[in-house]
Amino acid sequence: MRTYRIMSLLRKVAGLVLAVAGIAIVIDSLPTYLWILLLGFGLIWAGWLMFRVERIY
């Protein structure tokens, strides 16, 4: 098991906090039409992934 020194752990926690804060700012500032656009692209991507999966039962 890997052990982290206290400074390394603090750096990782601070990085995570900054990333979450940045994501929250972006989410809060996006207009509604961009959310619909992102949802559409996400559904297209998910559909394409499901279409490409080859399963033999």
PDB file of N, CA and C in Angstrom:
ATOM      1  N   MET A   1       0.837  -1.180   0.000  1.00  0.00           N
ATOM      2  CA  MET A   1       0.000   0.000   0.000  1.00  0.00           C
ATOM      3  C   MET A   1       0.882   1.243   0.000  1.00  0.00           C
ATOM      4  N   ARG A   2       0.458   2.204  -0.776  1.00  0.00           N
ATOM      5  CA  ARG A   2       1.224   3.430  -0.875  1.00  0.00           C
ATOM      6  C   ARG A   2       0.889   4.375   0.260  1.00  0.00           C
ATOM      7  N   THR A   3       1.879   4.933   0.841  1.00  0.00           N
ATOM      8  CA  THR A   3       1.644   5.927   1.897  1.00  0.00           C
ATOM      9  C   THR A   3       2.062   7.293   1.385  1.00  0.00           C
ATOM     10  N   TYR A   4       1.254   8.267   1.673  1.00  0.00           N
ATOM     11  CA  TYR A   4       1.535   9.621   1.232  1.00  0.00           C
ATOM     12  C   TYR A   4       2.026  10.450   2.410  1.00  0.00           C
ATOM     13  N   ARG A   5       2.961  11.304   2.128  1.00  0.00           N
ATOM     14  CA  ARG A   5       3.376  12.260   3.144  1.00  0.00           C
ATOM     15  C   ARG A   5       2.292  13.304   3.280  1.00  0.00           C
ATOM     16  N   ILE A   6       2.298  14.036   4.354  1.00  0.00           N
ATOM     17  CA  ILE A   6       1.241  14.991   4.649  1.00  0.00           C
ATOM     18  C   ILE A   6       1.157  16.088   3.583  1.00  0.00           C
ATOM     19  N   MET A   7       2.293  16.546   3.070  1.00  0.00           N
ATOM     20  CA  MET A   7       2.263  17.595   2.043  1.00  0.00           C
ATOM     21  C   MET A   7       1.680  17.072   0.733  1.00  0.00           C
ATOM     22  N   SER A   8       2.007  15.852   0.394  1.00  0.00           N
ATOM     23  CA  SER A   8       1.464  15.265  -0.816  1.00  0.00           C
ATOM     24  C   SER A   8      -0.044  15.095  -0.709  1.00  0.00           C
ATOM     25  N   LEU A   9      -0.499  14.672   0.445  1.00  0.00           N
ATOM     26  CA  LEU A   9      -1.937  14.512   0.668  1.00  0.00           C
ATOM     27  C   LEU A   9      -2.645  15.862   0.620  1.00  0.00           C
ATOM     28  N   LEU A  10      -2.045  16.878   1.239  1.00  0.00           N
ATOM     29  CA  LEU A  10      -2.639  18.216   1.200  1.00  0.00           C
ATOM     30  C   LEU A  10      -2.699  18.767  -0.224  1.00  0.00           C
ATOM     31  N   ARG A  11      -1.658  18.515  -1.013  1.00  0.00           N
ATOM     32  CA  ARG A  11      -1.642  18.972  -2.391  1.00  0.00           C
ATOM     33  C   ARG A  11      -2.744  18.296  -3.203  1.00  0.00           C
ATOM     34  N   LYS A  12      -2.965  17.008  -2.977  1.00  0.00           N
ATOM     35  CA  LYS A  12      -4.016  16.297  -3.686  1.00  0.00           C
ATOM     36  C   LYS A  12      -5.400  16.798  -3.279  1.00  0.00           C
ATOM     37  N   VAL A  13      -5.603  17.042  -2.002  1.00  0.00           N
ATOM     38  CA  VAL A  13      -6.896  17.547  -1.532  1.00  0.00           C
ATOM     39  C   VAL A  13      -7.138  18.949  -2.080  1.00  0.00           C
ATOM     40  N   ALA A  14      -6.113  19.800  -2.053  1.00  0.00           N
ATOM     41  CA  ALA A  14      -6.265  21.159  -2.579  1.00  0.00           C
ATOM     42  C   ALA A  14      -6.563  21.128  -4.078  1.00  0.00           C
ATOM     43  N   GLY A  15      -5.918  20.257  -4.807  1.00  0.00           N
ATOM     44  CA  GLY A  15      -6.193  20.116  -6.240  1.00  0.00           C
ATOM     45  C   GLY A  15      -7.617  19.669  -6.501  1.00  0.00           C
ATOM     46  N   LEU A  16      -8.105  18.735  -5.702  1.00  0.00           N
ATOM     47  CA  LEU A  16      -9.477  18.265  -5.843  1.00  0.00           C
ATOM     48  C   LEU A  16     -10.473  19.378  -5.536  1.00  0.00           C
ATOM     49  N   VAL A  17     -10.205  20.154  -4.487  1.00  0.00           N
ATOM     50  CA  VAL A  17     -11.093  21.266  -4.124  1.00  0.00           C
ATOM     51  C   VAL A  17     -11.126  22.309  -5.244  1.00  0.00           C
ATOM     52  N   LEU A  18      -9.965  22.640  -5.797  1.00  0.00           N
ATOM     53  CA  LEU A  18      -9.922  23.608  -6.889  1.00  0.00           C
ATOM     54  C   LEU A  18     -10.645  23.098  -8.129  1.00  0.00           C
ATOM     55  N   ALA A  19     -10.492  21.815  -8.443  1.00  0.00           N
ATOM     56  CA  ALA A  19     -11.176  21.242  -9.600  1.00  0.00           C
ATOM     57  C   ALA A  19     -12.693  21.279  -9.415  1.00  0.00           C
ATOM     58  N   VAL A  20     -13.165  20.923  -8.245  1.00  0.00           N
ATOM     59  CA  VAL A  20     -14.610  20.939  -7.981  1.00  0.00           C
ATOM     60  C   VAL A  20     -15.138  22.365  -8.038  1.00  0.00           C
ATOM     61  N   ALA A  21     -14.401  23.324  -7.508  1.00  0.00           N
ATOM     62  CA  ALA A  21     -14.826  24.722  -7.558  1.00  0.00           C
ATOM     63  C   ALA A  21     -14.889  25.214  -9.003  1.00  0.00           C
ATOM     64  N   GLY A  22     -13.922  24.841  -9.810  1.00  0.00           N
ATOM     65  CA  GLY A  22     -13.929  25.229 -11.223  1.00  0.00           C
ATOM     66  C   GLY A  22     -15.103  24.623 -11.968  1.00  0.00           C
ATOM     67  N   ILE A  23     -15.391  23.353 -11.704  1.00  0.00           N
ATOM     68  CA  ILE A  23     -16.535  22.705 -12.343  1.00  0.00           C
ATOM     69  C   ILE A  23     -17.838  23.382 -11.918  1.00  0.00           C
ATOM     70  N   ALA A  24     -17.948  23.737 -10.647  1.00  0.00           N
ATOM     71  CA  ALA A  24     -19.161  24.413 -10.159  1.00  0.00           C
ATOM     72  C   ALA A  24     -19.345  25.765 -10.836  1.00  0.00           C
ATOM     73  N   ILE A  25     -18.270  26.513 -11.031  1.00  0.00           N
ATOM     74  CA  ILE A  25     -18.367  27.811 -11.707  1.00  0.00           C
ATOM     75  C   ILE A  25     -18.806  27.634 -13.151  1.00  0.00           C
ATOM     76  N   VAL A  26     -18.239  26.663 -13.833  1.00  0.00           N
ATOM     77  CA  VAL A  26     -18.614  26.415 -15.229  1.00  0.00           C
ATOM     78  C   VAL A  26     -20.073  25.991 -15.324  1.00  0.00           C
ATOM     79  N   ILE A  27     -20.504  25.090 -14.462  1.00  0.00           N
ATOM     80  CA  ILE A  27     -21.884  24.609 -14.489  1.00  0.00           C
ATOM     81  C   ILE A  27     -22.852  25.751 -14.204  1.00  0.00           C
ATOM     82  N   ASP A  28     -22.505  26.610 -13.271  1.00  0.00           N
ATOM     83  CA  ASP A  28     -23.386  27.710 -12.900  1.00  0.00           C
ATOM     84  C   ASP A  28     -23.480  28.768 -13.995  1.00  0.00           C
ATOM     85  N   SER A  29     -22.439  28.930 -14.798  1.00  0.00           N
ATOM     86  CA  SER A  29     -22.419  30.019 -15.770  1.00  0.00           C
ATOM     87  C   SER A  29     -22.867  29.614 -17.172  1.00  0.00           C
ATOM     88  N   LEU A  30     -23.081  28.337 -17.444  1.00  0.00           N
ATOM     89  CA  LEU A  30     -23.500  27.929 -18.785  1.00  0.00           C
ATOM     90  C   LEU A  30     -24.966  28.260 -19.031  1.00  0.00           C
ATOM     91  N   PRO A  31     -25.282  28.790 -20.217  1.00  0.00           N
ATOM     92  CA  PRO A  31     -26.678  29.043 -20.548  1.00  0.00           C
ATOM     93  C   PRO A  31     -27.437  27.732 -20.787  1.00  0.00           C
ATOM     94  N   THR A  32     -28.751  27.818 -20.760  1.00  0.00           N
ATOM     95  CA  THR A  32     -29.598  26.631 -20.875  1.00  0.00           C
ATOM     96  C   THR A  32     -29.428  25.922 -22.210  1.00  0.00           C
ATOM     97  N   TYR A  33     -29.306  26.678 -23.309  1.00  0.00           N
ATOM     98  CA  TYR A  33     -29.206  26.035 -24.615  1.00  0.00           C
ATOM     99  C   TYR A  33     -27.935  25.193 -24.736  1.00  0.00           C
ATOM    100  N   LEU A  34     -26.874  25.572 -24.028  1.00  0.00           N
ATOM    101  CA  LEU A  34     -25.669  24.750 -24.064  1.00  0.00           C
ATOM    102  C   LEU A  34     -25.872  23.433 -23.327  1.00  0.00           C
ATOM    103  N   TRP A  35     -26.667  23.462 -22.247  1.00  0.00           N
ATOM    104  CA  TRP A  35     -26.956  22.219 -21.534  1.00  0.00           C
ATOM    105  C   TRP A  35     -27.717  21.258 -22.432  1.00  0.00           C
ATOM    106  N   ILE A  36     -28.681  21.778 -23.191  1.00  0.00           N
ATOM    107  CA  ILE A  36     -29.452  20.930 -24.106  1.00  0.00           C
ATOM    108  C   ILE A  36     -28.542  20.386 -25.202  1.00  0.00           C
ATOM    109  N   LEU A  37     -27.642  21.231 -25.695  1.00  0.00           N
ATOM    110  CA  LEU A  37     -26.682  20.798 -26.713  1.00  0.00           C
ATOM    111  C   LEU A  37     -25.763  19.705 -26.176  1.00  0.00           C
ATOM    112  N   LEU A  38     -25.237  19.892 -24.966  1.00  0.00           N
ATOM    113  CA  LEU A  38     -24.378  18.878 -24.352  1.00  0.00           C
ATOM    114  C   LEU A  38     -25.126  17.572 -24.099  1.00  0.00           C
ATOM    115  N   LEU A  39     -26.375  17.681 -23.676  1.00  0.00           N
ATOM    116  CA  LEU A  39     -27.189  16.482 -23.472  1.00  0.00           C
ATOM    117  C   LEU A  39     -27.388  15.744 -24.784  1.00  0.00           C
ATOM    118  N   GLY A  40     -27.661  16.477 -25.855  1.00  0.00           N
ATOM    119  CA  GLY A  40     -27.825  15.855 -27.167  1.00  0.00           C
ATOM    120  C   GLY A  40     -26.571  15.130 -27.623  1.00  0.00           C
ATOM    121  N   PHE A  41     -25.418  15.797 -27.492  1.00  0.00           N
ATOM    122  CA  PHE A  41     -24.159  15.146 -27.870  1.00  0.00           C
ATOM    123  C   PHE A  41     -23.882  13.928 -26.995  1.00  0.00           C
ATOM    124  N   GLY A  42     -24.203  14.023 -25.713  1.00  0.00           N
ATOM    125  CA  GLY A  42     -24.018  12.883 -24.814  1.00  0.00           C
ATOM    126  C   GLY A  42     -24.881  11.700 -25.205  1.00  0.00           C
ATOM    127  N   LEU A  43     -26.120  11.965 -25.580  1.00  0.00           N
ATOM    128  CA  LEU A  43     -27.009  10.879 -26.007  1.00  0.00           C
ATOM    129  C   LEU A  43     -26.538  10.258 -27.313  1.00  0.00           C
ATOM    130  N   ILE A  44     -26.069  11.094 -28.238  1.00  0.00           N
ATOM    131  CA  ILE A  44     -25.531  10.560 -29.499  1.00  0.00           C
ATOM    132  C   ILE A  44     -24.316   9.685 -29.227  1.00  0.00           C
ATOM    133  N   TRP A  45     -23.425  10.150 -28.352  1.00  0.00           N
ATOM    134  CA  TRP A  45     -22.222   9.385 -28.024  1.00  0.00           C
ATOM    135  C   TRP A  45     -22.580   8.059 -27.353  1.00  0.00           C
ATOM    136  N   ALA A  46     -23.510   8.096 -26.392  1.00  0.00           N
ATOM    137  CA  ALA A  46     -23.926   6.867 -25.702  1.00  0.00           C
ATOM    138  C   ALA A  46     -24.585   5.901 -26.682  1.00  0.00           C
ATOM    139  N   GLY A  47     -25.402   6.421 -27.574  1.00  0.00           N
ATOM    140  CA  GLY A  47     -26.037   5.572 -28.575  1.00  0.00           C
ATOM    141  C   GLY A  47     -25.020   4.930 -29.508  1.00  0.00           C
ATOM    142  N   TRP A  48     -24.013   5.696 -29.907  1.00  0.00           N
ATOM    143  CA  TRP A  48     -22.969   5.157 -30.782  1.00  0.00           C
ATOM    144  C   TRP A  48     -22.177   4.063 -30.072  1.00  0.00           C
ATOM    145  N   LEU A  49     -21.881   4.268 -28.791  1.00  0.00           N
ATOM    146  CA  LEU A  49     -21.163   3.240 -28.036  1.00  0.00           C
ATOM    147  C   LEU A  49     -21.988   1.960 -27.929  1.00  0.00           C
ATOM    148  N   MET A  50     -23.278   2.113 -27.686  1.00  0.00           N
ATOM    149  CA  MET A  50     -24.142   0.933 -27.588  1.00  0.00           C
ATOM    150  C   MET A  50     -24.259   0.236 -28.941  1.00  0.00           C
ATOM    151  N   PHE A  51     -24.295   1.007 -30.024  1.00  0.00           N
ATOM    152  CA  PHE A  51     -24.413   0.440 -31.373  1.00  0.00           C
ATOM    153  C   PHE A  51     -23.167  -0.356 -31.738  1.00  0.00           C
ATOM    154  N   ARG A  52     -22.019   0.094 -31.308  1.00  0.00           N
ATOM    155  CA  ARG A  52     -20.758  -0.542 -31.679  1.00  0.00           C
ATOM    156  C   ARG A  52     -20.430  -1.779 -30.852  1.00  0.00           C
ATOM    157  N   VAL A  53     -21.084  -1.987 -29.731  1.00  0.00           N
ATOM    158  CA  VAL A  53     -20.787  -3.147 -28.874  1.00  0.00           C
ATOM    159  C   VAL A  53     -21.273  -4.405 -29.578  1.00  0.00           C
ATOM    160  N   GLU A  54     -20.383  -5.370 -29.690  1.00  0.00           N
ATOM    161  CA  GLU A  54     -20.735  -6.635 -30.312  1.00  0.00           C
ATOM    162  C   GLU A  54     -20.774  -7.711 -29.232  1.00  0.00           C
ATOM    163  N   ARG A  55     -21.959  -8.148 -28.919  1.00  0.00           N
ATOM    164  CA  ARG A  55     -22.116  -9.221 -27.932  1.00  0.00           C
ATOM    165  C   ARG A  55     -22.775 -10.399 -28.601  1.00  0.00           C
ATOM    166  N   ILE A  56     -22.228 -11.548 -28.348  1.00  0.00           N
ATOM    167  CA  ILE A  56     -22.809 -12.771 -28.880  1.00  0.00           C
ATOM    168  C   ILE A  56     -23.334 -13.559 -27.693  1.00  0.00           C
ATOM    169  N   TYR A  57     -24.646 -13.769 -27.687  1.00  0.00           N
ATOM    170  CA  TYR A  57     -25.253 -14.491 -26.585  1.00  0.00           C
ATOM    171  C   TYR A  57     -25.491 -15.938 -26.961  1.00  0.00           C
TER     172      TYR A  57
END
